[in-house]
Amino acid sequence: MEIYFSVVQRKVVSPNDFTDLAQVGDRLRAFEDRYNATAQPFQWKFTTSDLDDLLARLDRHTADHQAESSTAQAA
């Protein structure tokens, strides 16, 4: 969903040059029709193992910064 809304933000509602809400609705419906006609499935490559690795790196990064902050506060 986030990918879809990102595309809508970039390609439909930017620039924000609408004169009224009806124009926004018309543009969104036109985009939906065009997007549904051309959308293709994609192969998701981010696995649960990738997520585990990312979370472990974030934990290490957070721990490193907390240690640096503690050392700086002690000084």
C-alpha atoms as a PDB file:
ATOM      1  CA  MET A   1       0.000   0.000   0.000  1.00  0.00           C
ATOM      2  CA  GLU A   2       2.805   2.392   0.842  1.00  0.00           C
ATOM      3  CA  ILE A   3       4.265   1.962  -2.632  1.00  0.00           C
ATOM      4  CA  TYR A   4       0.895   2.686  -4.229  1.00  0.00           C
ATOM      5  CA  PHE A   5       0.345   5.822  -2.127  1.00  0.00           C
ATOM      6  CA  SER A   6       3.875   6.971  -2.868  1.00  0.00           C
ATOM      7  CA  VAL A   7       3.159   6.690  -6.594  1.00  0.00           C
ATOM      8  CA  VAL A   8      -0.145   8.548  -6.143  1.00  0.00           C
ATOM      9  CA  GLN A   9       1.630  11.310  -4.232  1.00  0.00           C
ATOM     10  CA  ARG A  10       4.305  11.765  -6.896  1.00  0.00           C
ATOM     11  CA  LYS A  11       2.228  11.272 -10.032  1.00  0.00           C
ATOM     12  CA  VAL A  12      -1.295  12.390  -9.163  1.00  0.00           C
ATOM     13  CA  VAL A  13      -1.476  14.966  -6.411  1.00  0.00           C
ATOM     14  CA  SER A  14       1.801  16.775  -7.087  1.00  0.00           C
ATOM     15  CA  PRO A  15       1.731  19.547  -8.029  1.00  0.00           C
ATOM     16  CA  ASN A  16      -1.240  20.521  -5.950  1.00  0.00           C
ATOM     17  CA  ASP A  17      -2.961  22.582  -8.659  1.00  0.00           C
ATOM     18  CA  PHE A  18      -6.573  21.523  -8.131  1.00  0.00           C
ATOM     19  CA  THR A  19      -9.403  24.021  -8.202  1.00  0.00           C
ATOM     20  CA  ASP A  20     -11.825  21.840  -6.203  1.00  0.00           C
ATOM     21  CA  LEU A  21     -12.296  18.374  -4.678  1.00  0.00           C
ATOM     22  CA  ALA A  22     -14.184  17.099  -7.727  1.00  0.00           C
ATOM     23  CA  GLN A  23     -11.057  17.671  -9.813  1.00  0.00           C
ATOM     24  CA  VAL A  24      -8.995  15.664  -7.284  1.00  0.00           C
ATOM     25  CA  GLY A  25     -11.505  12.808  -7.488  1.00  0.00           C
ATOM     26  CA  ASP A  26     -11.491  12.873 -11.288  1.00  0.00           C
ATOM     27  CA  ARG A  27      -7.711  12.754 -11.439  1.00  0.00           C
ATOM     28  CA  LEU A  28      -7.544   9.919  -8.884  1.00  0.00           C
ATOM     29  CA  ARG A  29     -10.132   7.864 -10.805  1.00  0.00           C
ATOM     30  CA  ALA A  30      -8.304   8.420 -14.095  1.00  0.00           C
ATOM     31  CA  PHE A  31      -5.029   7.386 -12.481  1.00  0.00           C
ATOM     32  CA  GLU A  32      -6.644   4.285 -10.969  1.00  0.00           C
ATOM     33  CA  ASP A  33      -7.960   3.189 -14.370  1.00  0.00           C
ATOM     34  CA  ARG A  34      -4.574   3.736 -16.044  1.00  0.00           C
ATOM     35  CA  TYR A  35      -2.619   2.123 -13.186  1.00  0.00           C
ATOM     36  CA  ASN A  36      -4.859  -0.963 -13.095  1.00  0.00           C
ATOM     37  CA  ALA A  37      -4.471  -1.401 -16.849  1.00  0.00           C
ATOM     38  CA  THR A  38      -0.654  -1.330 -16.720  1.00  0.00           C
ATOM     39  CA  ALA A  39       0.300  -2.628 -13.258  1.00  0.00           C
ATOM     40  CA  GLN A  40       2.452  -5.751 -13.180  1.00  0.00           C
ATOM     41  CA  PRO A  41       3.195  -8.040 -10.243  1.00  0.00           C
ATOM     42  CA  PHE A  42       6.715  -7.858  -8.910  1.00  0.00           C
ATOM     43  CA  GLN A  43       8.935 -10.302  -7.094  1.00  0.00           C
ATOM     44  CA  TRP A  44       9.347  -9.193  -3.492  1.00  0.00           C
ATOM     45  CA  LYS A  45      12.971  -9.813  -2.540  1.00  0.00           C
ATOM     46  CA  PHE A  46      13.057  -8.640   1.075  1.00  0.00           C
ATOM     47  CA  THR A  47      12.828 -11.854   3.089  1.00  0.00           C
ATOM     48  CA  THR A  48      12.265 -12.486   6.775  1.00  0.00           C
ATOM     49  CA  SER A  49      15.995 -13.246   7.041  1.00  0.00           C
ATOM     50  CA  ASP A  50      16.723  -9.817   5.552  1.00  0.00           C
ATOM     51  CA  LEU A  51      14.415  -8.278   8.143  1.00  0.00           C
ATOM     52  CA  ASP A  52      16.137 -10.168  10.968  1.00  0.00           C
ATOM     53  CA  ASP A  53      19.534  -8.943   9.723  1.00  0.00           C
ATOM     54  CA  LEU A  54      18.289  -5.355   9.475  1.00  0.00           C
ATOM     55  CA  LEU A  55      16.833  -5.431  12.988  1.00  0.00           C
ATOM     56  CA  ALA A  56      20.071  -6.880  14.393  1.00  0.00           C
ATOM     57  CA  ARG A  57      22.093  -4.102  12.709  1.00  0.00           C
ATOM     58  CA  LEU A  58      19.706  -1.484  14.082  1.00  0.00           C
ATOM     59  CA  ASP A  59      20.042  -2.957  17.577  1.00  0.00           C
ATOM     60  CA  ARG A  60      23.850  -2.824  17.312  1.00  0.00           C
ATOM     61  CA  HIS A  61      23.715   0.724  15.969  1.00  0.00           C
ATOM     62  CA  THR A  62      21.416   1.842  18.798  1.00  0.00           C
ATOM     63  CA  ALA A  63      23.588   0.155  21.413  1.00  0.00           C
ATOM     64  CA  ASP A  64      26.717   1.810  19.972  1.00  0.00           C
ATOM     65  CA  HIS A  65      25.102   5.256  20.094  1.00  0.00           C
ATOM     66  CA  GLN A  66      23.827   4.716  23.614  1.00  0.00           C
ATOM     67  CA  ALA A  67      27.340   3.730  24.721  1.00  0.00           C
ATOM     68  CA  GLU A  68      28.785   6.847  23.015  1.00  0.00           C
ATOM     69  CA  SER A  69      26.183   9.057  24.723  1.00  0.00           C
ATOM     70  CA  SER A  70      26.946   7.540  28.124  1.00  0.00           C
ATOM     71  CA  THR A  71      30.668   8.091  27.624  1.00  0.00           C
ATOM     72  CA  ALA A  72      30.123  11.699  26.519  1.00  0.00           C
ATOM     73  CA  GLN A  73      27.858  12.443  29.481  1.00  0.00           C
ATOM     74  CA  ALA A  74      30.352  10.966  31.932  1.00  0.00           C
ATOM     75  CA  ALA A  75      33.130  13.199  30.594  1.00  0.00           C
END
